[in-house]
N, C-alpha and C. Protein backbone atom coordinates (compact mmCIF):
# COMPACT_ATOMS: atom_id res chain seq x y z
N UNK A 1 0.85 -1.17 0.00
CA UNK A 1 0.00 0.00 0.00
C UNK A 1 0.90 1.24 0.00
N UNK A 2 1.08 1.92 -1.14
CA UNK A 2 1.89 3.13 -1.18
C UNK A 2 1.24 4.25 -0.37
N UNK A 3 2.08 4.98 0.33
CA UNK A 3 1.63 6.11 1.12
C UNK A 3 2.15 7.38 0.46
N UNK A 4 1.25 8.32 0.23
CA UNK A 4 1.60 9.54 -0.47
C UNK A 4 1.27 10.73 0.42
N UNK A 5 2.27 11.56 0.73
CA UNK A 5 2.05 12.73 1.55
C UNK A 5 1.75 13.95 0.70
N UNK A 6 0.96 14.88 1.24
CA UNK A 6 0.64 16.13 0.56
C UNK A 6 0.79 17.25 1.57
N UNK A 7 1.60 18.25 1.24
CA UNK A 7 1.83 19.40 2.12
C UNK A 7 1.48 20.66 1.33
N UNK A 8 0.78 21.60 2.01
CA UNK A 8 0.37 22.83 1.33
C UNK A 8 0.50 24.01 2.28
N UNK A 9 0.99 25.13 1.75
CA UNK A 9 0.95 26.40 2.47
C UNK A 9 0.25 27.41 1.58
N UNK A 10 -0.29 28.47 2.19
CA UNK A 10 -1.10 29.40 1.40
C UNK A 10 -0.45 30.74 1.13
N UNK A 11 0.63 31.08 1.82
CA UNK A 11 1.26 32.37 1.57
C UNK A 11 2.77 32.20 1.48
N UNK A 12 3.41 33.22 0.89
CA UNK A 12 4.86 33.17 0.72
C UNK A 12 5.61 33.15 2.05
N UNK A 13 5.02 33.73 3.10
CA UNK A 13 5.73 33.79 4.37
C UNK A 13 5.56 32.51 5.20
N UNK A 14 4.76 31.58 4.72
CA UNK A 14 4.64 30.29 5.40
C UNK A 14 5.67 29.34 4.80
N UNK A 15 5.99 28.32 5.55
CA UNK A 15 6.96 27.34 5.07
C UNK A 15 6.36 25.94 5.11
N UNK A 16 6.76 25.14 4.16
CA UNK A 16 6.31 23.75 4.10
C UNK A 16 7.10 22.86 5.06
N UNK A 17 8.22 23.36 5.58
CA UNK A 17 9.14 22.54 6.36
C UNK A 17 8.49 21.78 7.52
N UNK A 18 7.66 22.41 8.38
CA UNK A 18 7.07 21.63 9.48
C UNK A 18 6.21 20.46 8.98
N UNK A 19 5.46 20.67 7.91
CA UNK A 19 4.63 19.59 7.38
C UNK A 19 5.49 18.48 6.78
N UNK A 20 6.51 18.87 6.02
CA UNK A 20 7.41 17.88 5.41
C UNK A 20 8.11 17.08 6.50
N UNK A 21 8.58 17.76 7.56
CA UNK A 21 9.24 17.06 8.67
C UNK A 21 8.29 16.08 9.35
N UNK A 22 7.03 16.50 9.57
CA UNK A 22 6.06 15.62 10.23
C UNK A 22 5.76 14.40 9.36
N UNK A 23 5.58 14.61 8.06
CA UNK A 23 5.30 13.50 7.14
C UNK A 23 6.49 12.56 7.04
N UNK A 24 7.69 13.12 6.97
CA UNK A 24 8.91 12.30 6.88
C UNK A 24 9.10 11.49 8.17
N UNK A 25 8.92 12.16 9.32
CA UNK A 25 9.08 11.47 10.61
C UNK A 25 8.07 10.35 10.78
N UNK A 26 6.88 10.51 10.19
CA UNK A 26 5.84 9.49 10.29
C UNK A 26 6.07 8.36 9.29
N UNK A 27 7.10 8.49 8.44
CA UNK A 27 7.46 7.40 7.54
C UNK A 27 6.83 7.46 6.16
N UNK A 28 6.45 8.65 5.71
CA UNK A 28 5.84 8.76 4.39
C UNK A 28 6.91 9.14 3.38
N UNK A 29 7.21 8.23 2.43
CA UNK A 29 8.36 8.40 1.54
C UNK A 29 8.17 9.43 0.41
N UNK A 30 6.96 9.62 -0.07
CA UNK A 30 6.72 10.53 -1.19
C UNK A 30 5.87 11.69 -0.68
N UNK A 31 6.39 12.92 -0.85
CA UNK A 31 5.66 14.10 -0.38
C UNK A 31 5.51 15.08 -1.53
N UNK A 32 4.28 15.40 -1.87
CA UNK A 32 3.99 16.39 -2.91
C UNK A 32 3.78 17.74 -2.23
N UNK A 33 4.52 18.75 -2.68
CA UNK A 33 4.48 20.07 -2.06
C UNK A 33 3.75 21.07 -2.95
N UNK A 34 2.92 21.90 -2.31
CA UNK A 34 2.17 22.89 -3.09
C UNK A 34 2.01 24.17 -2.29
N UNK A 35 2.12 25.30 -2.99
CA UNK A 35 1.87 26.59 -2.37
C UNK A 35 0.65 27.18 -3.08
N UNK A 36 -0.50 27.11 -2.39
CA UNK A 36 -1.76 27.60 -2.96
C UNK A 36 -2.74 27.82 -1.83
N UNK A 37 -3.70 28.68 -2.08
CA UNK A 37 -4.73 28.94 -1.08
C UNK A 37 -5.59 27.70 -0.89
N UNK A 38 -5.94 27.44 0.36
CA UNK A 38 -6.83 26.32 0.64
C UNK A 38 -8.21 26.53 0.08
N UNK A 39 -8.60 27.80 -0.10
CA UNK A 39 -9.91 28.10 -0.66
C UNK A 39 -9.96 27.92 -2.16
N UNK A 40 -8.80 27.81 -2.78
CA UNK A 40 -8.72 27.64 -4.23
C UNK A 40 -8.77 26.16 -4.56
N UNK A 41 -9.81 25.75 -5.26
CA UNK A 41 -9.93 24.33 -5.61
C UNK A 41 -9.05 23.95 -6.79
N UNK A 42 -8.60 24.93 -7.54
CA UNK A 42 -7.74 24.67 -8.70
C UNK A 42 -6.29 24.63 -8.25
N UNK A 43 -5.88 23.50 -7.72
CA UNK A 43 -4.51 23.32 -7.25
C UNK A 43 -3.85 22.25 -8.11
N UNK A 44 -2.90 22.64 -8.95
CA UNK A 44 -2.32 21.69 -9.91
C UNK A 44 -1.64 20.48 -9.28
N UNK A 45 -0.92 20.67 -8.18
CA UNK A 45 -0.22 19.54 -7.55
C UNK A 45 -1.24 18.55 -7.00
N UNK A 46 -2.28 19.05 -6.34
CA UNK A 46 -3.31 18.16 -5.80
C UNK A 46 -4.04 17.44 -6.93
N UNK A 47 -4.35 18.14 -8.01
CA UNK A 47 -5.04 17.52 -9.16
C UNK A 47 -4.19 16.39 -9.75
N UNK A 48 -2.87 16.66 -9.92
CA UNK A 48 -1.97 15.64 -10.46
C UNK A 48 -1.88 14.45 -9.51
N UNK A 49 -1.82 14.75 -8.22
CA UNK A 49 -1.75 13.70 -7.21
C UNK A 49 -2.99 12.82 -7.24
N UNK A 50 -4.16 13.43 -7.30
CA UNK A 50 -5.41 12.67 -7.33
C UNK A 50 -5.54 11.85 -8.61
N UNK A 51 -5.03 12.37 -9.72
CA UNK A 51 -5.07 11.62 -10.98
C UNK A 51 -4.19 10.36 -10.90
N UNK A 52 -3.07 10.47 -10.16
CA UNK A 52 -2.13 9.36 -10.09
C UNK A 52 -2.39 8.36 -8.98
N UNK A 53 -3.32 8.65 -8.10
CA UNK A 53 -3.64 7.73 -6.99
C UNK A 53 -4.20 6.42 -7.54
N UNK A 54 -3.75 5.32 -6.96
CA UNK A 54 -4.22 3.99 -7.40
C UNK A 54 -4.91 3.27 -6.24
N UNK A 55 -5.59 2.20 -6.59
CA UNK A 55 -6.28 1.37 -5.60
C UNK A 55 -5.29 0.95 -4.51
N UNK A 56 -5.72 1.14 -3.25
CA UNK A 56 -4.89 0.74 -2.12
C UNK A 56 -3.96 1.83 -1.62
N UNK A 57 -3.78 2.91 -2.40
CA UNK A 57 -2.93 4.02 -1.95
C UNK A 57 -3.61 4.77 -0.81
N UNK A 58 -2.82 5.45 -0.01
CA UNK A 58 -3.34 6.29 1.07
C UNK A 58 -2.74 7.68 0.93
N UNK A 59 -3.60 8.68 0.81
CA UNK A 59 -3.18 10.08 0.77
C UNK A 59 -3.09 10.56 2.21
N UNK A 60 -1.93 11.08 2.60
CA UNK A 60 -1.70 11.47 4.00
C UNK A 60 -1.37 12.96 4.06
N UNK A 61 -2.00 13.65 5.01
CA UNK A 61 -1.70 15.06 5.30
C UNK A 61 -1.44 15.19 6.79
N UNK A 62 -0.83 16.31 7.17
CA UNK A 62 -0.57 16.54 8.59
C UNK A 62 -1.88 16.87 9.31
N UNK A 63 -2.68 17.78 8.71
CA UNK A 63 -4.00 18.16 9.24
C UNK A 63 -4.96 18.31 8.07
N UNK A 64 -6.25 18.12 8.32
CA UNK A 64 -7.22 18.18 7.22
C UNK A 64 -7.30 19.56 6.59
N UNK A 65 -6.98 20.63 7.33
CA UNK A 65 -7.06 21.96 6.73
C UNK A 65 -5.95 22.18 5.70
N UNK A 66 -4.96 21.30 5.65
CA UNK A 66 -3.93 21.38 4.62
C UNK A 66 -4.44 20.82 3.29
N UNK A 67 -5.51 20.05 3.35
CA UNK A 67 -6.08 19.47 2.13
C UNK A 67 -7.21 20.32 1.58
N UNK A 68 -8.14 20.73 2.44
CA UNK A 68 -9.31 21.47 1.96
C UNK A 68 -9.78 22.43 3.04
N UNK A 69 -10.39 23.55 2.61
CA UNK A 69 -10.87 24.56 3.55
C UNK A 69 -12.38 24.55 3.69
N UNK A 70 -13.06 23.73 2.92
CA UNK A 70 -14.51 23.63 3.07
C UNK A 70 -14.89 22.16 3.13
N UNK A 71 -15.98 21.90 3.81
CA UNK A 71 -16.44 20.52 3.93
C UNK A 71 -16.79 19.94 2.57
N UNK A 72 -17.40 20.76 1.71
CA UNK A 72 -17.78 20.24 0.39
C UNK A 72 -16.55 19.83 -0.42
N UNK A 73 -15.48 20.64 -0.37
CA UNK A 73 -14.27 20.27 -1.11
C UNK A 73 -13.60 19.04 -0.49
N UNK A 74 -13.57 18.99 0.83
CA UNK A 74 -12.99 17.84 1.52
C UNK A 74 -13.70 16.55 1.11
N UNK A 75 -15.03 16.60 1.14
CA UNK A 75 -15.81 15.40 0.78
C UNK A 75 -15.65 15.06 -0.70
N UNK A 76 -15.48 16.08 -1.54
CA UNK A 76 -15.25 15.84 -2.98
C UNK A 76 -13.94 15.07 -3.18
N UNK A 77 -12.89 15.49 -2.48
CA UNK A 77 -11.59 14.80 -2.59
C UNK A 77 -11.71 13.38 -2.06
N UNK A 78 -12.38 13.20 -0.93
CA UNK A 78 -12.54 11.87 -0.34
C UNK A 78 -13.33 10.96 -1.30
N UNK A 79 -14.37 11.51 -1.94
CA UNK A 79 -15.14 10.72 -2.91
C UNK A 79 -14.26 10.29 -4.08
N UNK A 80 -13.38 11.18 -4.55
CA UNK A 80 -12.46 10.81 -5.64
C UNK A 80 -11.55 9.67 -5.21
N UNK A 81 -11.05 9.76 -3.98
CA UNK A 81 -10.18 8.70 -3.47
C UNK A 81 -10.94 7.38 -3.36
N UNK A 82 -12.15 7.44 -2.79
CA UNK A 82 -12.95 6.22 -2.62
C UNK A 82 -13.30 5.59 -3.96
N UNK A 83 -13.58 6.41 -4.96
CA UNK A 83 -13.92 5.89 -6.29
C UNK A 83 -12.74 5.12 -6.89
N UNK A 84 -11.53 5.46 -6.49
CA UNK A 84 -10.34 4.78 -6.99
C UNK A 84 -9.91 3.65 -6.06
N UNK A 85 -10.62 3.46 -4.96
CA UNK A 85 -10.25 2.42 -4.00
C UNK A 85 -9.08 2.84 -3.12
N UNK A 86 -8.89 4.16 -2.97
CA UNK A 86 -7.80 4.68 -2.15
C UNK A 86 -8.36 5.22 -0.83
N UNK A 87 -7.46 5.57 0.07
CA UNK A 87 -7.85 6.01 1.41
C UNK A 87 -7.24 7.37 1.73
N UNK A 88 -7.71 7.96 2.82
CA UNK A 88 -7.20 9.24 3.30
C UNK A 88 -6.84 9.11 4.77
N UNK A 89 -5.73 9.75 5.15
CA UNK A 89 -5.33 9.74 6.56
C UNK A 89 -4.76 11.10 6.92
N UNK A 90 -5.11 11.58 8.10
CA UNK A 90 -4.55 12.80 8.66
C UNK A 90 -3.76 12.42 9.90
N UNK A 91 -2.52 12.88 9.98
CA UNK A 91 -1.66 12.49 11.09
C UNK A 91 -2.13 13.08 12.41
N UNK A 92 -2.42 14.39 12.44
CA UNK A 92 -2.77 15.05 13.70
C UNK A 92 -4.25 14.96 14.05
N UNK A 93 -5.09 14.62 13.12
CA UNK A 93 -6.52 14.42 13.38
C UNK A 93 -6.76 12.92 13.43
N UNK A 94 -7.69 12.46 14.24
CA UNK A 94 -7.92 11.01 14.31
C UNK A 94 -8.74 10.52 13.11
N UNK A 95 -8.15 10.67 11.93
CA UNK A 95 -8.90 10.34 10.71
C UNK A 95 -8.13 9.33 9.88
N UNK A 96 -8.80 8.26 9.54
CA UNK A 96 -8.28 7.26 8.62
C UNK A 96 -9.50 6.65 7.95
N UNK A 97 -9.73 6.97 6.68
CA UNK A 97 -10.96 6.54 6.01
C UNK A 97 -10.98 5.05 5.69
N UNK A 98 -9.97 4.34 6.13
CA UNK A 98 -10.00 2.89 5.96
C UNK A 98 -11.01 2.25 6.91
N UNK A 99 -11.50 3.04 7.90
CA UNK A 99 -12.49 2.51 8.85
C UNK A 99 -13.75 3.39 8.85
N UNK A 100 -14.90 2.82 9.20
CA UNK A 100 -16.13 3.62 9.29
C UNK A 100 -16.02 4.74 10.33
N UNK A 101 -15.34 4.48 11.44
CA UNK A 101 -15.16 5.50 12.47
C UNK A 101 -14.34 6.67 11.93
N UNK A 102 -13.34 6.36 11.13
CA UNK A 102 -12.51 7.40 10.54
C UNK A 102 -13.30 8.27 9.58
N UNK A 103 -14.18 7.66 8.80
CA UNK A 103 -15.03 8.42 7.87
C UNK A 103 -15.96 9.35 8.64
N UNK A 104 -16.54 8.85 9.72
CA UNK A 104 -17.44 9.66 10.54
C UNK A 104 -16.69 10.83 11.16
N UNK A 105 -15.53 10.55 11.74
CA UNK A 105 -14.73 11.60 12.37
C UNK A 105 -14.34 12.66 11.35
N UNK A 106 -14.00 12.25 10.15
CA UNK A 106 -13.65 13.18 9.08
C UNK A 106 -14.78 14.16 8.82
N UNK A 107 -15.99 13.66 8.71
CA UNK A 107 -17.14 14.52 8.42
C UNK A 107 -17.43 15.47 9.57
N UNK A 108 -17.33 15.00 10.81
CA UNK A 108 -17.59 15.86 11.97
C UNK A 108 -16.54 16.96 12.08
N UNK A 109 -15.25 16.59 11.97
CA UNK A 109 -14.19 17.60 12.07
C UNK A 109 -14.24 18.58 10.90
N UNK A 110 -14.54 18.09 9.72
CA UNK A 110 -14.65 18.97 8.56
C UNK A 110 -15.77 19.98 8.73
N UNK A 111 -16.91 19.55 9.25
CA UNK A 111 -18.04 20.46 9.48
C UNK A 111 -17.69 21.48 10.55
N UNK A 112 -17.02 21.05 11.61
CA UNK A 112 -16.63 21.99 12.68
C UNK A 112 -15.62 23.02 12.17
N UNK A 113 -14.68 22.59 11.35
CA UNK A 113 -13.68 23.51 10.80
C UNK A 113 -14.34 24.53 9.88
N UNK A 114 -15.28 24.09 9.06
CA UNK A 114 -15.98 25.02 8.16
C UNK A 114 -16.80 26.02 8.97
N UNK A 115 -17.44 25.56 10.04
CA UNK A 115 -18.22 26.46 10.91
C UNK A 115 -17.31 27.50 11.55
N UNK A 116 -16.14 27.08 12.02
CA UNK A 116 -15.19 28.00 12.64
C UNK A 116 -14.74 29.07 11.64
N UNK A 117 -14.42 28.67 10.42
CA UNK A 117 -14.01 29.63 9.40
C UNK A 117 -15.12 30.62 9.09
N UNK A 118 -16.38 30.16 9.07
CA UNK A 118 -17.52 31.06 8.82
C UNK A 118 -17.65 32.08 9.95
N UNK A 119 -17.46 31.65 11.19
CA UNK A 119 -17.52 32.58 12.32
C UNK A 119 -16.42 33.63 12.24
N UNK A 120 -15.23 33.21 11.86
CA UNK A 120 -14.10 34.14 11.72
C UNK A 120 -14.40 35.17 10.63
N UNK A 121 -14.93 34.72 9.49
CA UNK A 121 -15.29 35.65 8.41
C UNK A 121 -16.33 36.65 8.89
N UNK A 122 -17.34 36.16 9.62
CA UNK A 122 -18.40 37.02 10.13
C UNK A 122 -17.85 38.07 11.09
N UNK A 123 -16.97 37.66 12.00
CA UNK A 123 -16.37 38.61 12.95
C UNK A 123 -15.49 39.62 12.23
N UNK A 124 -14.75 39.17 11.22
CA UNK A 124 -13.88 40.08 10.46
C UNK A 124 -14.72 41.12 9.73
N UNK A 125 -15.78 40.70 9.08
CA UNK A 125 -16.66 41.65 8.38
C UNK A 125 -17.28 42.66 9.35
N UNK A 126 -17.71 42.18 10.51
CA UNK A 126 -18.30 43.08 11.50
C UNK A 126 -17.27 44.08 12.00
N UNK A 127 -16.05 43.64 12.22
CA UNK A 127 -14.98 44.53 12.66
C UNK A 127 -14.65 45.58 11.61
N UNK A 128 -14.60 45.17 10.34
CA UNK A 128 -14.32 46.11 9.26
C UNK A 128 -15.45 47.13 9.13
N UNK A 129 -16.70 46.68 9.25
CA UNK A 129 -17.84 47.61 9.17
C UNK A 129 -17.80 48.60 10.33
N UNK A 130 -17.47 48.13 11.51
CA UNK A 130 -17.36 49.00 12.68
C UNK A 130 -16.25 50.03 12.48
N UNK A 131 -15.13 49.61 11.94
CA UNK A 131 -14.01 50.52 11.69
C UNK A 131 -14.39 51.58 10.66
N UNK A 132 -15.12 51.17 9.61
CA UNK A 132 -15.57 52.14 8.59
C UNK A 132 -16.48 53.19 9.20
N UNK A 133 -17.39 52.78 10.09
CA UNK A 133 -18.28 53.73 10.76
C UNK A 133 -17.50 54.72 11.63
N UNK A 134 -16.36 54.28 12.13
CA UNK A 134 -15.53 55.15 12.97
C UNK A 134 -14.55 55.96 12.12
N UNK A 135 -14.65 55.83 10.78
CA UNK A 135 -13.79 56.61 9.89
C UNK A 135 -12.46 55.97 9.55
N UNK A 136 -12.25 54.74 9.96
CA UNK A 136 -11.01 54.05 9.65
C UNK A 136 -11.24 53.11 8.46
N UNK A 137 -10.19 52.89 7.73
CA UNK A 137 -10.26 51.96 6.60
C UNK A 137 -9.46 50.72 6.98
N UNK A 138 -10.12 49.58 7.03
CA UNK A 138 -9.44 48.34 7.40
C UNK A 138 -8.85 47.66 6.19
N UNK A 139 -8.17 46.59 6.46
CA UNK A 139 -7.61 45.79 5.38
C UNK A 139 -6.12 46.03 5.21
N UNK A 140 -5.55 45.40 4.22
CA UNK A 140 -4.13 45.47 3.92
C UNK A 140 -3.83 46.79 3.21
N UNK A 141 -2.98 47.66 3.79
CA UNK A 141 -2.67 48.94 3.15
C UNK A 141 -2.04 48.78 1.77
N UNK A 142 -1.25 47.76 1.59
CA UNK A 142 -0.62 47.52 0.28
C UNK A 142 -1.65 47.21 -0.79
N UNK A 143 -2.70 46.51 -0.45
CA UNK A 143 -3.73 46.20 -1.42
C UNK A 143 -4.61 47.39 -1.75
N UNK A 144 -4.75 48.29 -0.77
CA UNK A 144 -5.55 49.51 -1.03
C UNK A 144 -4.89 50.42 -2.03
N UNK A 145 -3.53 50.45 -2.02
CA UNK A 145 -2.79 51.32 -2.93
C UNK A 145 -2.86 50.75 -4.30
């Protein structure tokens, strides 16, 4: 059963090193590295990886948020793996889709993570609206210019 690691960071100031070290220490020989936003579903390395997955392979990530940022995308990737007879495993989350318990845990954690991101977006929007009412302009100054 080949084990395939996938590591992703979303910004230039992040590094793949901690994920690569965790995957290597856990014994995963092949690690595909990608720098792309988790919200972006068009990730070439992940697409190539999913195309090459074979029956019995296991796709391994350090945490589920390194694979997908929404429950719908996470489940879409898992369905692609299952259709090929492959599995998914997260090292830091108790997830291994080779078992029914792992599939259930994946769905619960994915839903909780998506809910948390929605709350963060809501609080950020409320904070920006409050700042605008007070005459301040929020956001990245470099992007405003």
